[in-house]
Amino acid sequence: SRDGLTLWTGGLDSTLRSWDFRQRRELSKANCAAQIFSLGCTPTDD
C-alpha cells in the first residue's frame, strides 16, 4: 500500500491476501478464479 503498512500477496493457491506485516497477521483473504501471477494496488489504496 502507499503508506507501506499493508502488504498484498497473490498466490498459486488462487488467493489474494493482505497483511499487517508489523503485527505479522492476515487482514483479508479473497478467492480468485485461477492462479494469480501479478497484482497491483492503486496509489490511493482503494
PDB file of all heavy atoms in Angstrom:
ATOM      1  N   SER A   1       0.851  -1.180   0.000  1.00  0.00           N
ATOM      2  CA  SER A   1       0.000   0.000   0.000  1.00  0.00           C
ATOM      3  C   SER A   1       0.893   1.238   0.000  1.00  0.00           C
ATOM      4  O   SER A   1       2.075   1.170   0.350  1.00  0.00           O
ATOM      5  CB  SER A   1      -0.923   0.003   1.218  1.00  0.00           C
ATOM      6  OG  SER A   1      -0.157  -0.001   2.410  1.00  0.00           O
ATOM      7  N   ARG A   2       0.327   2.365  -0.379  1.00  0.00           N
ATOM      8  CA  ARG A   2       1.132   3.585  -0.486  1.00  0.00           C
ATOM      9  C   ARG A   2       1.744   3.984   0.861  1.00  0.00           C
ATOM     10  O   ARG A   2       2.870   4.488   0.914  1.00  0.00           O
ATOM     11  CB  ARG A   2       0.268   4.722  -1.029  1.00  0.00           C
ATOM     12  CG  ARG A   2       1.053   5.976  -1.342  1.00  0.00           C
ATOM     13  CD  ARG A   2       0.212   7.000  -2.056  1.00  0.00           C
ATOM     14  NE  ARG A   2       1.020   8.079  -2.561  1.00  0.00           N
ATOM     15  CZ  ARG A   2       0.565   9.055  -3.319  1.00  0.00           C
ATOM     16  NH1 ARG A   2      -0.693   9.071  -3.674  1.00  0.00           N
ATOM     17  NH2 ARG A   2       1.355  10.004  -3.745  1.00  0.00           N
ATOM     18  N   ASP A   3       1.001   3.758   1.952  1.00  0.00           N
ATOM     19  CA  ASP A   3       1.533   4.120   3.263  1.00  0.00           C
ATOM     20  C   ASP A   3       2.532   3.089   3.798  1.00  0.00           C
ATOM     21  O   ASP A   3       3.131   3.275   4.857  1.00  0.00           O
ATOM     22  CB  ASP A   3       0.405   4.343   4.271  1.00  0.00           C
ATOM     23  CG  ASP A   3      -0.467   3.106   4.478  1.00  0.00           C
ATOM     24  OD1 ASP A   3      -0.072   2.002   4.060  1.00  0.00           O
ATOM     25  OD2 ASP A   3      -1.557   3.260   5.066  1.00  0.00           O
ATOM     26  N   GLY A   4       2.710   1.988   3.058  1.00  0.00           N
ATOM     27  CA  GLY A   4       3.672   0.974   3.439  1.00  0.00           C
ATOM     28  C   GLY A   4       3.248   0.101   4.606  1.00  0.00           C
ATOM     29  O   GLY A   4       4.040  -0.692   5.118  1.00  0.00           O
ATOM     30  N   LEU A   5       1.972   0.188   5.017  1.00  0.00           N
ATOM     31  CA  LEU A   5       1.511  -0.554   6.184  1.00  0.00           C
ATOM     32  C   LEU A   5       0.861  -1.892   5.836  1.00  0.00           C
ATOM     33  O   LEU A   5       0.776  -2.779   6.673  1.00  0.00           O
ATOM     34  CB  LEU A   5       0.529   0.297   7.000  1.00  0.00           C
ATOM     35  CG  LEU A   5       1.087   1.622   7.529  1.00  0.00           C
ATOM     36  CD1 LEU A   5       0.008   2.376   8.280  1.00  0.00           C
ATOM     37  CD2 LEU A   5       2.292   1.370   8.420  1.00  0.00           C
ATOM     38  N   THR A   6       0.378  -2.008   4.591  1.00  0.00           N
ATOM     39  CA  THR A   6      -0.312  -3.236   4.180  1.00  0.00           C
ATOM     40  C   THR A   6       0.440  -3.889   3.028  1.00  0.00           C
ATOM     41  O   THR A   6       0.769  -3.237   2.043  1.00  0.00           O
ATOM     42  CB  THR A   6      -1.757  -2.931   3.739  1.00  0.00           C
ATOM     43  OG1 THR A   6      -2.445  -2.270   4.799  1.00  0.00           O
ATOM     44  CG2 THR A   6      -2.496  -4.216   3.383  1.00  0.00           C
ATOM     45  N   LEU A   7       0.691  -5.167   3.169  1.00  0.00           N
ATOM     46  CA  LEU A   7       1.317  -5.962   2.114  1.00  0.00           C
ATOM     47  C   LEU A   7       0.247  -6.821   1.462  1.00  0.00           C
ATOM     48  O   LEU A   7      -0.490  -7.535   2.142  1.00  0.00           O
ATOM     49  CB  LEU A   7       2.409  -6.855   2.703  1.00  0.00           C
ATOM     50  CG  LEU A   7       3.090  -7.817   1.730  1.00  0.00           C
ATOM     51  CD1 LEU A   7       3.954  -7.052   0.726  1.00  0.00           C
ATOM     52  CD2 LEU A   7       3.926  -8.850   2.482  1.00  0.00           C
ATOM     53  N   TRP A   8       0.138  -6.737   0.129  1.00  0.00           N
ATOM     54  CA  TRP A   8      -0.779  -7.575  -0.647  1.00  0.00           C
ATOM     55  C   TRP A   8       0.029  -8.693  -1.293  1.00  0.00           C
ATOM     56  O   TRP A   8       1.105  -8.446  -1.847  1.00  0.00           O
ATOM     57  CB  TRP A   8      -1.472  -6.755  -1.728  1.00  0.00           C
ATOM     58  CG  TRP A   8      -2.430  -5.748  -1.176  1.00  0.00           C
ATOM     59  CD1 TRP A   8      -2.156  -4.456  -0.839  1.00  0.00           C
ATOM     60  CD2 TRP A   8      -3.806  -5.957  -0.888  1.00  0.00           C
ATOM     61  NE1 TRP A   8      -3.283  -3.845  -0.357  1.00  0.00           N
ATOM     62  CE2 TRP A   8      -4.313  -4.747  -0.378  1.00  0.00           C
ATOM     63  CE3 TRP A   8      -4.663  -7.054  -1.010  1.00  0.00           C
ATOM     64  CZ2 TRP A   8      -5.644  -4.600   0.007  1.00  0.00           C
ATOM     65  CZ3 TRP A   8      -5.988  -6.908  -0.632  1.00  0.00           C
ATOM     66  CH2 TRP A   8      -6.466  -5.687  -0.123  1.00  0.00           C
ATOM     67  N   THR A   9      -0.486  -9.922  -1.222  1.00  0.00           N
ATOM     68  CA  THR A   9       0.198 -11.050  -1.850  1.00  0.00           C
ATOM     69  C   THR A   9      -0.776 -11.854  -2.696  1.00  0.00           C
ATOM     70  O   THR A   9      -1.948 -12.009  -2.346  1.00  0.00           O
ATOM     71  CB  THR A   9       0.837 -11.987  -0.798  1.00  0.00           C
ATOM     72  OG1 THR A   9      -0.173 -12.500   0.084  1.00  0.00           O
ATOM     73  CG2 THR A   9       1.910 -11.263   0.002  1.00  0.00           C
ATOM     74  N   GLY A  10      -0.274 -12.352  -3.809  1.00  0.00           N
ATOM     75  CA  GLY A  10      -1.048 -13.235  -4.670  1.00  0.00           C
ATOM     76  C   GLY A  10      -0.365 -14.581  -4.745  1.00  0.00           C
ATOM     77  O   GLY A  10       0.870 -14.655  -4.796  1.00  0.00           O
ATOM     78  N   GLY A  11      -1.158 -15.645  -4.752  1.00  0.00           N
ATOM     79  CA  GLY A  11      -0.553 -16.957  -4.691  1.00  0.00           C
ATOM     80  C   GLY A  11      -0.984 -17.905  -5.785  1.00  0.00           C
ATOM     81  O   GLY A  11      -2.015 -17.712  -6.444  1.00  0.00           O
ATOM     82  N   LEU A  12      -0.195 -18.952  -5.947  1.00  0.00           N
ATOM     83  CA  LEU A  12      -0.549 -20.013  -6.884  1.00  0.00           C
ATOM     84  C   LEU A  12      -1.653 -20.894  -6.307  1.00  0.00           C
ATOM     85  O   LEU A  12      -2.140 -21.802  -6.978  1.00  0.00           O
ATOM     86  CB  LEU A  12       0.695 -20.834  -7.224  1.00  0.00           C
ATOM     87  CG  LEU A  12       1.825 -20.029  -7.891  1.00  0.00           C
ATOM     88  CD1 LEU A  12       3.012 -20.926  -8.199  1.00  0.00           C
ATOM     89  CD2 LEU A  12       1.336 -19.317  -9.143  1.00  0.00           C
ATOM     90  N   ASP A  13      -2.075 -20.594  -5.056  1.00  0.00           N
ATOM     91  CA  ASP A  13      -3.250 -21.241  -4.468  1.00  0.00           C
ATOM     92  C   ASP A  13      -4.531 -20.489  -4.813  1.00  0.00           C
ATOM     93  O   ASP A  13      -5.593 -20.743  -4.250  1.00  0.00           O
ATOM     94  CB  ASP A  13      -3.100 -21.358  -2.949  1.00  0.00           C
ATOM     95  CG  ASP A  13      -2.935 -20.000  -2.263  1.00  0.00           C
ATOM     96  OD1 ASP A  13      -2.921 -18.961  -2.957  1.00  0.00           O
ATOM     97  OD2 ASP A  13      -2.803 -19.980  -1.028  1.00  0.00           O
ATOM     98  N   SER A  14      -4.424 -19.516  -5.744  1.00  0.00           N
ATOM     99  CA  SER A  14      -5.566 -18.735  -6.258  1.00  0.00           C
ATOM    100  C   SER A  14      -6.194 -17.826  -5.205  1.00  0.00           C
ATOM    101  O   SER A  14      -7.379 -17.503  -5.286  1.00  0.00           O
ATOM    102  CB  SER A  14      -6.643 -19.648  -6.857  1.00  0.00           C
ATOM    103  OG  SER A  14      -6.105 -20.464  -7.869  1.00  0.00           O
ATOM    104  N   THR A  15      -5.411 -17.378  -4.222  1.00  0.00           N
ATOM    105  CA  THR A  15      -5.941 -16.445  -3.236  1.00  0.00           C
ATOM    106  C   THR A  15      -5.159 -15.136  -3.247  1.00  0.00           C
ATOM    107  O   THR A  15      -3.949 -15.116  -3.483  1.00  0.00           O
ATOM    108  CB  THR A  15      -5.898 -17.023  -1.795  1.00  0.00           C
ATOM    109  OG1 THR A  15      -4.532 -17.237  -1.407  1.00  0.00           O
ATOM    110  CG2 THR A  15      -6.698 -18.307  -1.697  1.00  0.00           C
ATOM    111  N   LEU A  16      -5.891 -14.051  -2.994  1.00  0.00           N
ATOM    112  CA  LEU A  16      -5.319 -12.726  -2.779  1.00  0.00           C
ATOM    113  C   LEU A  16      -5.443 -12.442  -1.291  1.00  0.00           C
ATOM    114  O   LEU A  16      -6.526 -12.581  -0.720  1.00  0.00           O
ATOM    115  CB  LEU A  16      -6.085 -11.675  -3.583  1.00  0.00           C
ATOM    116  CG  LEU A  16      -5.758 -10.214  -3.264  1.00  0.00           C
ATOM    117  CD1 LEU A  16      -4.358  -9.853  -3.744  1.00  0.00           C
ATOM    118  CD2 LEU A  16      -6.793  -9.283  -3.890  1.00  0.00           C
ATOM    119  N   ARG A  17      -4.338 -12.054  -0.675  1.00  0.00           N
ATOM    120  CA  ARG A  17      -4.358 -11.806   0.766  1.00  0.00           C
ATOM    121  C   ARG A  17      -3.708 -10.461   1.081  1.00  0.00           C
ATOM    122  O   ARG A  17      -2.844  -9.992   0.341  1.00  0.00           O
ATOM    123  CB  ARG A  17      -3.625 -12.927   1.511  1.00  0.00           C
ATOM    124  CG  ARG A  17      -4.224 -14.299   1.257  1.00  0.00           C
ATOM    125  CD  ARG A  17      -3.380 -15.395   1.878  1.00  0.00           C
ATOM    126  NE  ARG A  17      -3.796 -16.704   1.428  1.00  0.00           N
ATOM    127  CZ  ARG A  17      -4.167 -17.701   2.228  1.00  0.00           C
ATOM    128  NH1 ARG A  17      -4.200 -17.535   3.518  1.00  0.00           N
ATOM    129  NH2 ARG A  17      -4.517 -18.871   1.720  1.00  0.00           N
ATOM    130  N   SER A  18      -4.143  -9.856   2.184  1.00  0.00           N
ATOM    131  CA  SER A  18      -3.489  -8.644   2.675  1.00  0.00           C
ATOM    132  C   SER A  18      -3.005  -8.897   4.092  1.00  0.00           C
ATOM    133  O   SER A  18      -3.601  -9.678   4.849  1.00  0.00           O
ATOM    134  CB  SER A  18      -4.435  -7.445   2.638  1.00  0.00           C
ATOM    135  OG  SER A  18      -5.525  -7.610   3.529  1.00  0.00           O
ATOM    136  N   TRP A  19      -1.893  -8.204   4.454  1.00  0.00           N
ATOM    137  CA  TRP A  19      -1.197  -8.471   5.711  1.00  0.00           C
ATOM    138  C   TRP A  19      -0.792  -7.182   6.403  1.00  0.00           C
ATOM    139  O   TRP A  19      -0.359  -6.231   5.763  1.00  0.00           O
ATOM    140  CB  TRP A  19       0.079  -9.281   5.444  1.00  0.00           C
ATOM    141  CG  TRP A  19      -0.159 -10.526   4.666  1.00  0.00           C
ATOM    142  CD1 TRP A  19      -0.197 -10.651   3.304  1.00  0.00           C
ATOM    143  CD2 TRP A  19      -0.433 -11.822   5.183  1.00  0.00           C
ATOM    144  NE1 TRP A  19      -0.470 -11.945   2.953  1.00  0.00           N
ATOM    145  CE2 TRP A  19      -0.614 -12.687   4.090  1.00  0.00           C
ATOM    146  CE3 TRP A  19      -0.531 -12.343   6.475  1.00  0.00           C
ATOM    147  CZ2 TRP A  19      -0.895 -14.043   4.243  1.00  0.00           C
ATOM    148  CZ3 TRP A  19      -0.799 -13.682   6.631  1.00  0.00           C
ATOM    149  CH2 TRP A  19      -0.984 -14.523   5.523  1.00  0.00           C
ATOM    150  N   ASP A  20      -0.949  -7.169   7.704  1.00  0.00           N
ATOM    151  CA  ASP A  20      -0.301  -6.165   8.541  1.00  0.00           C
ATOM    152  C   ASP A  20       1.040  -6.776   8.926  1.00  0.00           C
ATOM    153  O   ASP A  20       1.106  -7.623   9.830  1.00  0.00           O
ATOM    154  CB  ASP A  20      -1.142  -5.875   9.784  1.00  0.00           C
ATOM    155  CG  ASP A  20      -0.523  -4.813  10.689  1.00  0.00           C
ATOM    156  OD1 ASP A  20       0.722  -4.668  10.680  1.00  0.00           O
ATOM    157  OD2 ASP A  20      -1.265  -4.149  11.414  1.00  0.00           O
ATOM    158  N   PHE A  21       2.096  -6.406   8.205  1.00  0.00           N
ATOM    159  CA  PHE A  21       3.366  -7.101   8.410  1.00  0.00           C
ATOM    160  C   PHE A  21       4.018  -6.732   9.745  1.00  0.00           C
ATOM    161  O   PHE A  21       4.820  -7.480  10.281  1.00  0.00           O
ATOM    162  CB  PHE A  21       4.330  -6.856   7.248  1.00  0.00           C
ATOM    163  CG  PHE A  21       4.957  -5.495   7.231  1.00  0.00           C
ATOM    164  CD1 PHE A  21       6.146  -5.254   7.878  1.00  0.00           C
ATOM    165  CD2 PHE A  21       4.345  -4.452   6.562  1.00  0.00           C
ATOM    166  CE1 PHE A  21       6.727  -3.999   7.864  1.00  0.00           C
ATOM    167  CE2 PHE A  21       4.915  -3.199   6.550  1.00  0.00           C
ATOM    168  CZ  PHE A  21       6.102  -2.976   7.199  1.00  0.00           C
ATOM    169  N   ARG A  22       3.637  -5.575  10.327  1.00  0.00           N
ATOM    170  CA  ARG A  22       4.208  -5.207  11.627  1.00  0.00           C
ATOM    171  C   ARG A  22       3.723  -6.149  12.721  1.00  0.00           C
ATOM    172  O   ARG A  22       4.478  -6.537  13.604  1.00  0.00           O
ATOM    173  CB  ARG A  22       3.841  -3.756  11.977  1.00  0.00           C
ATOM    174  CG  ARG A  22       4.484  -2.729  11.059  1.00  0.00           C
ATOM    175  CD  ARG A  22       3.940  -1.359  11.326  1.00  0.00           C
ATOM    176  NE  ARG A  22       2.479  -1.381  11.193  1.00  0.00           N
ATOM    177  CZ  ARG A  22       1.684  -0.376  11.521  1.00  0.00           C
ATOM    178  NH1 ARG A  22       2.190   0.719  12.021  1.00  0.00           N
ATOM    179  NH2 ARG A  22       0.385  -0.465  11.360  1.00  0.00           N
ATOM    180  N   GLN A  23       2.437  -6.517  12.638  1.00  0.00           N
ATOM    181  CA  GLN A  23       1.882  -7.447  13.629  1.00  0.00           C
ATOM    182  C   GLN A  23       1.899  -8.885  13.133  1.00  0.00           C
ATOM    183  O   GLN A  23       1.442  -9.791  13.827  1.00  0.00           O
ATOM    184  CB  GLN A  23       0.450  -7.032  13.986  1.00  0.00           C
ATOM    185  CG  GLN A  23       0.375  -5.665  14.641  1.00  0.00           C
ATOM    186  CD  GLN A  23      -1.044  -5.292  15.029  1.00  0.00           C
ATOM    187  OE1 GLN A  23      -1.953  -6.116  15.019  1.00  0.00           O
ATOM    188  NE2 GLN A  23      -1.247  -4.031  15.380  1.00  0.00           N
ATOM    189  N   ARG A  24       2.402  -9.088  11.910  1.00  0.00           N
ATOM    190  CA  ARG A  24       2.515 -10.431  11.329  1.00  0.00           C
ATOM    191  C   ARG A  24       1.173 -11.160  11.293  1.00  0.00           C
ATOM    192  O   ARG A  24       1.061 -12.321  11.633  1.00  0.00           O
ATOM    193  CB  ARG A  24       3.530 -11.293  12.094  1.00  0.00           C
ATOM    194  CG  ARG A  24       4.868 -10.630  12.363  1.00  0.00           C
ATOM    195  CD  ARG A  24       5.691 -10.481  11.103  1.00  0.00           C
ATOM    196  NE  ARG A  24       7.062 -10.105  11.425  1.00  0.00           N
ATOM    197  CZ  ARG A  24       7.526  -8.864  11.332  1.00  0.00           C
ATOM    198  NH1 ARG A  24       6.739  -7.886  10.964  1.00  0.00           N
ATOM    199  NH2 ARG A  24       8.798  -8.604  11.595  1.00  0.00           N
ATOM    200  N   ARG A  25       0.105 -10.421  10.884  1.00  0.00           N
ATOM    201  CA  ARG A  25      -1.198 -11.066  10.854  1.00  0.00           C
ATOM    202  C   ARG A  25      -1.918 -10.779   9.543  1.00  0.00           C
ATOM    203  O   ARG A  25      -1.728  -9.734   8.920  1.00  0.00           O
ATOM    204  CB  ARG A  25      -2.062 -10.643  12.034  1.00  0.00           C
ATOM    205  CG  ARG A  25      -2.471  -9.176  12.017  1.00  0.00           C
ATOM    206  CD  ARG A  25      -3.267  -8.807  13.256  1.00  0.00           C
ATOM    207  NE  ARG A  25      -3.677  -7.409  13.213  1.00  0.00           N
ATOM    208  CZ  ARG A  25      -4.841  -6.992  12.723  1.00  0.00           C
ATOM    209  NH1 ARG A  25      -5.708  -7.856  12.247  1.00  0.00           N
ATOM    210  NH2 ARG A  25      -5.131  -5.702  12.719  1.00  0.00           N
ATOM    211  N   GLU A  26      -2.763 -11.720   9.150  1.00  0.00           N
ATOM    212  CA  GLU A  26      -3.542 -11.592   7.918  1.00  0.00           C
ATOM    213  C   GLU A  26      -4.735 -10.672   8.164  1.00  0.00           C
ATOM    214  O   GLU A  26      -5.440 -10.802   9.162  1.00  0.00           O
ATOM    215  CB  GLU A  26      -4.015 -12.975   7.476  1.00  0.00           C
ATOM    216  CG  GLU A  26      -4.764 -12.969   6.164  1.00  0.00           C
ATOM    217  CD  GLU A  26      -5.162 -14.372   5.726  1.00  0.00           C
ATOM    218  OE1 GLU A  26      -4.253 -15.210   5.542  1.00  0.00           O
ATOM    219  OE2 GLU A  26      -6.365 -14.623   5.586  1.00  0.00           O
ATOM    220  N   LEU A  27      -4.970  -9.742   7.228  1.00  0.00           N
ATOM    221  CA  LEU A  27      -6.095  -8.817   7.334  1.00  0.00           C
ATOM    222  C   LEU A  27      -7.295  -9.268   6.510  1.00  0.00           C
ATOM    223  O   LEU A  27      -8.437  -9.105   6.923  1.00  0.00           O
ATOM    224  CB  LEU A  27      -5.663  -7.414   6.873  1.00  0.00           C
ATOM    225  CG  LEU A  27      -4.537  -6.755   7.661  1.00  0.00           C
ATOM    226  CD1 LEU A  27      -4.098  -5.467   6.982  1.00  0.00           C
ATOM    227  CD2 LEU A  27      -4.981  -6.489   9.089  1.00  0.00           C
ATOM    228  N   SER A  28      -7.025  -9.816   5.317  1.00  0.00           N
ATOM    229  CA  SER A  28      -8.124 -10.241   4.451  1.00  0.00           C
ATOM    230  C   SER A  28      -7.670 -11.339   3.504  1.00  0.00           C
ATOM    231  O   SER A  28      -6.478 -11.515   3.266  1.00  0.00           O
ATOM    232  CB  SER A  28      -8.668  -9.050   3.644  1.00  0.00           C
ATOM    233  OG  SER A  28      -7.691  -8.602   2.709  1.00  0.00           O
ATOM    234  N   LYS A  29      -8.667 -12.044   2.966  1.00  0.00           N
ATOM    235  CA  LYS A  29      -8.393 -13.112   2.001  1.00  0.00           C
ATOM    236  C   LYS A  29      -9.534 -13.158   0.997  1.00  0.00           C
ATOM    237  O   LYS A  29     -10.701 -13.102   1.374  1.00  0.00           O
ATOM    238  CB  LYS A  29      -8.259 -14.450   2.724  1.00  0.00           C
ATOM    239  CG  LYS A  29      -8.112 -15.654   1.799  1.00  0.00           C
ATOM    240  CD  LYS A  29      -8.088 -16.943   2.596  1.00  0.00           C
ATOM    241  CE  LYS A  29      -8.121 -18.157   1.694  1.00  0.00           C
ATOM    242  NZ  LYS A  29      -8.178 -19.416   2.478  1.00  0.00           N
ATOM    243  N   ALA A  30      -9.193 -13.241  -0.294  1.00  0.00           N
ATOM    244  CA  ALA A  30     -10.205 -13.371  -1.348  1.00  0.00           C
ATOM    245  C   ALA A  30      -9.801 -14.498  -2.285  1.00  0.00           C
ATOM    246  O   ALA A  30      -8.638 -14.590  -2.684  1.00  0.00           O
ATOM    247  CB  ALA A  30     -10.329 -12.061  -2.136  1.00  0.00           C
ATOM    248  N   ASN A  31     -10.752 -15.359  -2.596  1.00  0.00           N
ATOM    249  CA  ASN A  31     -10.512 -16.437  -3.545  1.00  0.00           C
ATOM    250  C   ASN A  31     -10.711 -15.924  -4.964  1.00  0.00           C
ATOM    251  O   ASN A  31     -11.664 -15.182  -5.238  1.00  0.00           O
ATOM    252  CB  ASN A  31     -11.453 -17.606  -3.272  1.00  0.00           C
ATOM    253  CG  ASN A  31     -11.162 -18.276  -1.948  1.00  0.00           C
ATOM    254  OD1 ASN A  31     -10.010 -18.586  -1.648  1.00  0.00           O
ATOM    255  ND2 ASN A  31     -12.186 -18.488  -1.141  1.00  0.00           N
ATOM    256  N   CYS A  32      -9.836 -16.321  -5.868  1.00  0.00           N
ATOM    257  CA  CYS A  32      -9.928 -15.914  -7.269  1.00  0.00           C
ATOM    258  C   CYS A  32     -10.202 -17.132  -8.145  1.00  0.00           C
ATOM    259  O   CYS A  32     -10.099 -18.270  -7.698  1.00  0.00           O
ATOM    260  CB  CYS A  32      -8.642 -15.208  -7.697  1.00  0.00           C
ATOM    261  SG  CYS A  32      -8.379 -13.645  -6.832  1.00  0.00           S
ATOM    262  N   ALA A  33     -10.550 -16.867  -9.400  1.00  0.00           N
ATOM    263  CA  ALA A  33     -10.977 -17.924 -10.312  1.00  0.00           C
ATOM    264  C   ALA A  33      -9.828 -18.791 -10.816  1.00  0.00           C
ATOM    265  O   ALA A  33     -10.060 -19.879 -11.339  1.00  0.00           O
ATOM    266  CB  ALA A  33     -11.718 -17.301 -11.499  1.00  0.00           C
ATOM    267  N   ALA A  34      -8.589 -18.325 -10.674  1.00  0.00           N
ATOM    268  CA  ALA A  34      -7.430 -19.076 -11.169  1.00  0.00           C
ATOM    269  C   ALA A  34      -6.190 -18.614 -10.410  1.00  0.00           C
ATOM    270  O   ALA A  34      -6.256 -17.694  -9.584  1.00  0.00           O
ATOM    271  CB  ALA A  34      -7.251 -18.855 -12.667  1.00  0.00           C
ATOM    272  N   GLN A  35      -5.056 -19.245 -10.689  1.00  0.00           N
ATOM    273  CA  GLN A  35      -3.802 -18.853 -10.056  1.00  0.00           C
ATOM    274  C   GLN A  35      -3.473 -17.396 -10.370  1.00  0.00           C
ATOM    275  O   GLN A  35      -3.696 -16.925 -11.482  1.00  0.00           O
ATOM    276  CB  GLN A  35      -2.670 -19.745 -10.545  1.00  0.00           C
ATOM    277  CG  GLN A  35      -2.767 -21.183 -10.070  1.00  0.00           C
ATOM    278  CD  GLN A  35      -1.620 -22.032 -10.581  1.00  0.00           C
ATOM    279  OE1 GLN A  35      -1.199 -21.902 -11.724  1.00  0.00           O
ATOM    280  NE2 GLN A  35      -1.113 -22.921  -9.729  1.00  0.00           N
ATOM    281  N   ILE A  36      -2.928 -16.701  -9.371  1.00  0.00           N
ATOM    282  CA  ILE A  36      -2.565 -15.288  -9.513  1.00  0.00           C
ATOM    283  C   ILE A  36      -1.085 -15.189  -9.878  1.00  0.00           C
ATOM    284  O   ILE A  36      -0.238 -15.755  -9.203  1.00  0.00           O
ATOM    285  CB  ILE A  36      -2.837 -14.526  -8.210  1.00  0.00           C
ATOM    286  CG1 ILE A  36      -4.323 -14.610  -7.846  1.00  0.00           C
ATOM    287  CG2 ILE A  36      -2.384 -13.076  -8.333  1.00  0.00           C
ATOM    288  CD1 ILE A  36      -4.643 -14.077  -6.460  1.00  0.00           C
ATOM    289  N   PHE A  37      -0.804 -14.451 -10.955  1.00  0.00           N
ATOM    290  CA  PHE A  37       0.585 -14.273 -11.391  1.00  0.00           C
ATOM    291  C   PHE A  37       1.071 -12.826 -11.285  1.00  0.00           C
ATOM    292  O   PHE A  37       2.260 -12.570 -11.398  1.00  0.00           O
ATOM    293  CB  PHE A  37       0.759 -14.785 -12.822  1.00  0.00           C
ATOM    294  CG  PHE A  37       1.003 -16.266 -12.901  1.00  0.00           C
ATOM    295  CD1 PHE A  37      -0.045 -17.160 -12.802  1.00  0.00           C
ATOM    296  CD2 PHE A  37       2.285 -16.769 -13.038  1.00  0.00           C
ATOM    297  CE1 PHE A  37       0.174 -18.530 -12.850  1.00  0.00           C
ATOM    298  CE2 PHE A  37       2.517 -18.136 -13.083  1.00  0.00           C
ATOM    299  CZ  PHE A  37       1.456 -19.015 -12.989  1.00  0.00           C
ATOM    300  N   SER A  38       0.162 -11.877 -11.096  1.00  0.00           N
ATOM    301  CA  SER A  38       0.572 -10.478 -10.973  1.00  0.00           C
ATOM    302  C   SER A  38      -0.485  -9.719 -10.179  1.00  0.00           C
ATOM    303  O   SER A  38      -1.652 -10.119 -10.150  1.00  0.00           O
ATOM    304  CB  SER A  38       0.765  -9.844 -12.359  1.00  0.00           C
ATOM    305  OG  SER A  38      -0.413  -9.972 -13.141  1.00  0.00           O
ATOM    306  N   LEU A  39      -0.063  -8.627  -9.542  1.00  0.00           N
ATOM    307  CA  LEU A  39      -1.032  -7.794  -8.824  1.00  0.00           C
ATOM    308  C   LEU A  39      -0.492  -6.394  -8.657  1.00  0.00           C
ATOM    309  O   LEU A  39       0.711  -6.146  -8.776  1.00  0.00           O
ATOM    310  CB  LEU A  39      -1.408  -8.401  -7.468  1.00  0.00           C
ATOM    311  CG  LEU A  39      -0.413  -8.398  -6.303  1.00  0.00           C
ATOM    312  CD1 LEU A  39      -0.426  -7.087  -5.532  1.00  0.00           C
ATOM    313  CD2 LEU A  39      -0.731  -9.521  -5.345  1.00  0.00           C
ATOM    314  N   GLY A  40      -1.405  -5.469  -8.372  1.00  0.00           N
ATOM    315  CA  GLY A  40      -1.028  -4.093  -8.084  1.00  0.00           C
ATOM    316  C   GLY A  40      -2.142  -3.414  -7.317  1.00  0.00           C
ATOM    317  O   GLY A  40      -3.315  -3.731  -7.511  1.00  0.00           O
ATOM    318  N   CYS A  41      -1.777  -2.498  -6.415  1.00  0.00           N
ATOM    319  CA  CYS A  41      -2.790  -1.709  -5.721  1.00  0.00           C
ATOM    320  C   CYS A  41      -2.639  -0.253  -6.143  1.00  0.00           C
ATOM    321  O   CYS A  41      -1.547   0.209  -6.465  1.00  0.00           O
ATOM    322  CB  CYS A  41      -2.689  -1.870  -4.203  1.00  0.00           C
ATOM    323  SG  CYS A  41      -1.091  -1.520  -3.472  1.00  0.00           S
ATOM    324  N   THR A  42      -3.774   0.454  -6.158  1.00  0.00           N
ATOM    325  CA  THR A  42      -3.763   1.846  -6.593  1.00  0.00           C
ATOM    326  C   THR A  42      -2.989   2.704  -5.607  1.00  0.00           C
ATOM    327  O   THR A  42      -2.918   2.382  -4.421  1.00  0.00           O
ATOM    328  CB  THR A  42      -5.196   2.402  -6.712  1.00  0.00           C
ATOM    329  OG1 THR A  42      -5.831   2.286  -5.431  1.00  0.00           O
ATOM    330  CG2 THR A  42      -5.997   1.690  -7.763  1.00  0.00           C
ATOM    331  N   PRO A  43      -2.430   3.827  -6.086  1.00  0.00           N
ATOM    332  CA  PRO A  43      -1.738   4.744  -5.178  1.00  0.00           C
ATOM    333  C   PRO A  43      -2.657   5.310  -4.099  1.00  0.00           C
ATOM    334  O   PRO A  43      -2.194   5.744  -3.048  1.00  0.00           O
ATOM    335  CB  PRO A  43      -1.241   5.856  -6.110  1.00  0.00           C
ATOM    336  CG  PRO A  43      -1.163   5.216  -7.451  1.00  0.00           C
ATOM    337  CD  PRO A  43      -2.284   4.222  -7.490  1.00  0.00           C
ATOM    338  N   THR A  44      -3.976   5.289  -4.353  1.00  0.00           N
ATOM    339  CA  THR A  44      -4.939   5.776  -3.363  1.00  0.00           C
ATOM    340  C   THR A  44      -5.412   4.656  -2.437  1.00  0.00           C
ATOM    341  O   THR A  44      -6.237   4.883  -1.551  1.00  0.00           O
ATOM    342  CB  THR A  44      -6.150   6.409  -4.075  1.00  0.00           C
ATOM    343  OG1 THR A  44      -6.632   5.489  -5.069  1.00  0.00           O
ATOM    344  CG2 THR A  44      -5.762   7.710  -4.741  1.00  0.00           C
ATOM    345  N   ASP A  45      -4.903   3.434  -2.665  1.00  0.00           N
ATOM    346  CA  ASP A  45      -5.181   2.274  -1.814  1.00  0.00           C
ATOM    347  C   ASP A  45      -6.649   1.869  -1.752  1.00  0.00           C
ATOM    348  O   ASP A  45      -7.066   1.210  -0.803  1.00  0.00           O
ATOM    349  CB  ASP A  45      -4.660   2.498  -0.378  1.00  0.00           C
ATOM    350  CG  ASP A  45      -3.139   2.559  -0.316  1.00  0.00           C
ATOM    351  OD1 ASP A  45      -2.499   1.954  -1.196  1.00  0.00           O
ATOM    352  OD2 ASP A  45      -2.615   3.213   0.596  1.00  0.00           O
ATOM    353  N   ASP A  46      -7.448   2.240  -2.761  1.00  0.00           N
ATOM    354  CA  ASP A  46      -8.863   1.864  -2.710  1.00  0.00           C
ATOM    355  C   ASP A  46      -9.224   0.710  -3.649  1.00  0.00           C
ATOM    356  O   ASP A  46     -10.336   0.175  -3.585  1.00  0.00           O
ATOM    357  CB  ASP A  46      -9.768   3.072  -2.982  1.00  0.00           C
ATOM    358  CG  ASP A  46      -9.367   3.838  -4.230  1.00  0.00           C
ATOM    359  OD1 ASP A  46      -8.322   3.513  -4.828  1.00  0.00           O
ATOM    360  OD2 ASP A  46     -10.098   4.764  -4.607  1.00  0.00           O
TER     361      ASP A  46
END
